[in-house]
Amino acid sequence: MMLNDILMLYMQSLLITALSVTVISILWIGFRASRRKDKTLRERHVHLYDVLLIGIMVTPVLSFAVMGLILALRA
């Protein structure tokens, strides 16, 4: 029962974090595109890969932080 609650909290925080990281990444890529920071196609690809890698690595870490916030707010 307790394990099920923790798993549900983690899945909820993972969903929240994945959506927020995706939105922030899209906004950041759009901001750079609108400012024309990257001149060549190669630079745009490198930036896209960097943002994707950062998003993939940050999501699980932030998910645990969000889970802690959810637990603190429910208590």
N, C-alpha and C. Protein backbone atom coordinates (compact mmCIF):
# COMPACT_ATOMS: atom_id res chain seq x y z
N MET A 1 0.82 -1.19 0.00
CA MET A 1 0.00 0.00 0.00
C MET A 1 0.87 1.26 0.00
N MET A 2 1.85 1.32 0.88
CA MET A 2 2.72 2.48 0.96
C MET A 2 3.60 2.60 -0.29
N LEU A 3 4.07 1.46 -0.79
CA LEU A 3 4.89 1.46 -2.00
C LEU A 3 4.07 1.96 -3.19
N ASN A 4 2.82 1.58 -3.23
CA ASN A 4 1.93 2.04 -4.29
C ASN A 4 1.75 3.55 -4.23
N ASP A 5 1.61 4.11 -3.04
CA ASP A 5 1.46 5.56 -2.88
C ASP A 5 2.71 6.29 -3.33
N ILE A 6 3.87 5.77 -2.96
CA ILE A 6 5.13 6.40 -3.35
C ILE A 6 5.32 6.33 -4.86
N LEU A 7 4.97 5.20 -5.46
CA LEU A 7 5.08 5.06 -6.90
C LEU A 7 4.14 6.01 -7.62
N MET A 8 2.95 6.18 -7.11
CA MET A 8 2.00 7.12 -7.73
C MET A 8 2.49 8.56 -7.59
N LEU A 9 3.07 8.90 -6.46
CA LEU A 9 3.64 10.24 -6.29
C LEU A 9 4.79 10.47 -7.26
N TYR A 10 5.64 9.45 -7.42
CA TYR A 10 6.77 9.58 -8.33
C TYR A 10 6.28 9.72 -9.78
N MET A 11 5.30 8.95 -10.17
CA MET A 11 4.78 9.05 -11.53
C MET A 11 4.13 10.41 -11.78
N GLN A 12 3.44 10.91 -10.78
CA GLN A 12 2.83 12.23 -10.89
C GLN A 12 3.90 13.31 -11.03
N SER A 13 4.93 13.23 -10.21
CA SER A 13 6.00 14.23 -10.29
C SER A 13 6.81 14.08 -11.57
N LEU A 14 6.97 12.85 -12.07
CA LEU A 14 7.67 12.64 -13.33
C LEU A 14 6.89 13.27 -14.49
N LEU A 15 5.60 13.14 -14.47
CA LEU A 15 4.76 13.75 -15.51
C LEU A 15 4.85 15.28 -15.45
N ILE A 16 4.75 15.84 -14.27
CA ILE A 16 4.84 17.30 -14.11
C ILE A 16 6.20 17.79 -14.58
N THR A 17 7.25 17.11 -14.18
CA THR A 17 8.59 17.52 -14.53
C THR A 17 8.85 17.37 -16.02
N ALA A 18 8.42 16.27 -16.61
CA ALA A 18 8.64 16.05 -18.04
C ALA A 18 7.93 17.12 -18.86
N LEU A 19 6.71 17.46 -18.48
CA LEU A 19 5.98 18.50 -19.21
C LEU A 19 6.64 19.87 -19.06
N SER A 20 7.06 20.19 -17.86
CA SER A 20 7.68 21.51 -17.65
C SER A 20 9.04 21.61 -18.34
N VAL A 21 9.83 20.55 -18.31
CA VAL A 21 11.12 20.56 -19.00
C VAL A 21 10.92 20.66 -20.51
N THR A 22 9.90 19.98 -21.03
CA THR A 22 9.61 20.06 -22.46
C THR A 22 9.20 21.46 -22.87
N VAL A 23 8.33 22.08 -22.10
CA VAL A 23 7.88 23.44 -22.41
C VAL A 23 9.05 24.42 -22.34
N ILE A 24 9.86 24.32 -21.30
CA ILE A 24 11.00 25.22 -21.16
C ILE A 24 12.00 25.01 -22.29
N SER A 25 12.22 23.77 -22.69
CA SER A 25 13.15 23.49 -23.79
C SER A 25 12.64 24.07 -25.10
N ILE A 26 11.35 23.91 -25.36
CA ILE A 26 10.78 24.47 -26.59
C ILE A 26 10.87 25.99 -26.59
N LEU A 27 10.59 26.60 -25.46
CA LEU A 27 10.70 28.06 -25.36
C LEU A 27 12.14 28.52 -25.57
N TRP A 28 13.10 27.80 -25.01
CA TRP A 28 14.50 28.17 -25.14
C TRP A 28 14.97 28.03 -26.59
N ILE A 29 14.58 26.94 -27.25
CA ILE A 29 14.95 26.75 -28.65
C ILE A 29 14.30 27.84 -29.51
N GLY A 30 13.04 28.15 -29.25
CA GLY A 30 12.36 29.22 -29.98
C GLY A 30 12.99 30.58 -29.75
N PHE A 31 13.41 30.85 -28.52
CA PHE A 31 14.06 32.12 -28.20
C PHE A 31 15.36 32.27 -28.98
N ARG A 32 16.16 31.20 -29.00
CA ARG A 32 17.42 31.25 -29.75
C ARG A 32 17.18 31.37 -31.25
N ALA A 33 16.14 30.71 -31.73
CA ALA A 33 15.84 30.80 -33.16
C ALA A 33 15.37 32.20 -33.54
N SER A 34 14.57 32.82 -32.66
CA SER A 34 14.08 34.17 -32.96
C SER A 34 15.20 35.21 -32.90
N ARG A 35 16.19 34.97 -32.06
CA ARG A 35 17.33 35.90 -31.95
C ARG A 35 18.41 35.62 -32.98
N ARG A 36 18.26 34.53 -33.74
CA ARG A 36 19.21 34.12 -34.78
C ARG A 36 20.63 33.98 -34.23
N LYS A 37 20.72 33.29 -33.10
CA LYS A 37 22.02 33.04 -32.47
C LYS A 37 22.86 32.07 -33.27
N ASP A 38 22.21 31.07 -33.86
CA ASP A 38 22.93 30.02 -34.58
C ASP A 38 22.85 30.31 -36.07
N LYS A 39 24.00 30.53 -36.68
CA LYS A 39 24.03 30.92 -38.09
C LYS A 39 23.92 29.74 -39.03
N THR A 40 24.58 28.64 -38.71
CA THR A 40 24.60 27.51 -39.64
C THR A 40 23.68 26.40 -39.15
N LEU A 41 23.39 25.50 -40.06
CA LEU A 41 22.56 24.35 -39.72
C LEU A 41 23.26 23.47 -38.69
N ARG A 42 24.57 23.34 -38.80
CA ARG A 42 25.35 22.54 -37.86
C ARG A 42 25.23 23.10 -36.43
N GLU A 43 25.31 24.41 -36.29
CA GLU A 43 25.18 25.03 -34.96
C GLU A 43 23.78 24.80 -34.38
N ARG A 44 22.77 24.86 -35.23
CA ARG A 44 21.41 24.61 -34.77
C ARG A 44 21.24 23.17 -34.31
N HIS A 45 21.82 22.23 -35.04
CA HIS A 45 21.75 20.82 -34.64
C HIS A 45 22.47 20.59 -33.31
N VAL A 46 23.64 21.19 -33.16
CA VAL A 46 24.40 21.02 -31.92
C VAL A 46 23.60 21.58 -30.74
N HIS A 47 22.98 22.74 -30.93
CA HIS A 47 22.18 23.32 -29.84
C HIS A 47 20.98 22.45 -29.52
N LEU A 48 20.32 21.93 -30.55
CA LEU A 48 19.17 21.05 -30.33
C LEU A 48 19.57 19.81 -29.55
N TYR A 49 20.70 19.19 -29.92
CA TYR A 49 21.17 18.00 -29.21
C TYR A 49 21.55 18.34 -27.77
N ASP A 50 22.14 19.51 -27.56
CA ASP A 50 22.48 19.92 -26.20
C ASP A 50 21.24 20.07 -25.34
N VAL A 51 20.23 20.72 -25.88
CA VAL A 51 18.99 20.94 -25.12
C VAL A 51 18.31 19.60 -24.83
N LEU A 52 18.28 18.70 -25.82
CA LEU A 52 17.68 17.39 -25.60
C LEU A 52 18.43 16.60 -24.53
N LEU A 53 19.75 16.63 -24.57
CA LEU A 53 20.55 15.91 -23.58
C LEU A 53 20.35 16.49 -22.19
N ILE A 54 20.33 17.80 -22.09
CA ILE A 54 20.10 18.44 -20.79
C ILE A 54 18.73 18.07 -20.25
N GLY A 55 17.72 18.08 -21.11
CA GLY A 55 16.37 17.72 -20.68
C GLY A 55 16.28 16.29 -20.19
N ILE A 56 16.94 15.38 -20.91
CA ILE A 56 16.91 13.97 -20.51
C ILE A 56 17.62 13.76 -19.18
N MET A 57 18.71 14.48 -18.94
CA MET A 57 19.46 14.29 -17.71
C MET A 57 18.84 15.00 -16.51
N VAL A 58 18.14 16.08 -16.74
CA VAL A 58 17.59 16.88 -15.64
C VAL A 58 16.24 16.35 -15.16
N THR A 59 15.48 15.74 -16.06
CA THR A 59 14.12 15.31 -15.72
C THR A 59 14.04 14.38 -14.51
N PRO A 60 14.84 13.30 -14.44
CA PRO A 60 14.71 12.43 -13.25
C PRO A 60 15.12 13.10 -11.94
N VAL A 61 16.12 13.97 -12.01
CA VAL A 61 16.58 14.64 -10.79
C VAL A 61 15.50 15.60 -10.29
N LEU A 62 14.96 16.39 -11.20
CA LEU A 62 13.90 17.32 -10.81
C LEU A 62 12.63 16.59 -10.38
N SER A 63 12.43 15.40 -10.91
CA SER A 63 11.26 14.63 -10.54
C SER A 63 11.28 14.28 -9.05
N PHE A 64 12.44 13.91 -8.52
CA PHE A 64 12.54 13.64 -7.09
C PHE A 64 12.33 14.90 -6.27
N ALA A 65 12.80 16.03 -6.77
CA ALA A 65 12.59 17.30 -6.06
C ALA A 65 11.10 17.65 -6.04
N VAL A 66 10.43 17.47 -7.17
CA VAL A 66 8.99 17.75 -7.23
C VAL A 66 8.22 16.79 -6.34
N MET A 67 8.67 15.53 -6.30
CA MET A 67 8.02 14.56 -5.41
C MET A 67 8.14 15.00 -3.96
N GLY A 68 9.29 15.52 -3.58
CA GLY A 68 9.47 16.03 -2.23
C GLY A 68 8.54 17.21 -1.94
N LEU A 69 8.37 18.09 -2.92
CA LEU A 69 7.45 19.21 -2.74
C LEU A 69 6.01 18.74 -2.61
N ILE A 70 5.63 17.76 -3.41
CA ILE A 70 4.27 17.21 -3.33
C ILE A 70 4.04 16.57 -1.97
N LEU A 71 5.03 15.82 -1.50
CA LEU A 71 4.90 15.20 -0.17
C LEU A 71 4.78 16.26 0.92
N ALA A 72 5.57 17.34 0.81
CA ALA A 72 5.53 18.39 1.84
C ALA A 72 4.18 19.12 1.80
N LEU A 73 3.64 19.30 0.61
CA LEU A 73 2.35 20.01 0.53
C LEU A 73 1.19 19.15 1.00
N ARG A 74 1.31 17.81 0.86
CA ARG A 74 0.24 16.91 1.30
C ARG A 74 0.26 16.68 2.81
N ALA A 75 1.40 16.92 3.43
CA ALA A 75 1.52 16.63 4.86
C ALA A 75 0.87 17.69 5.73
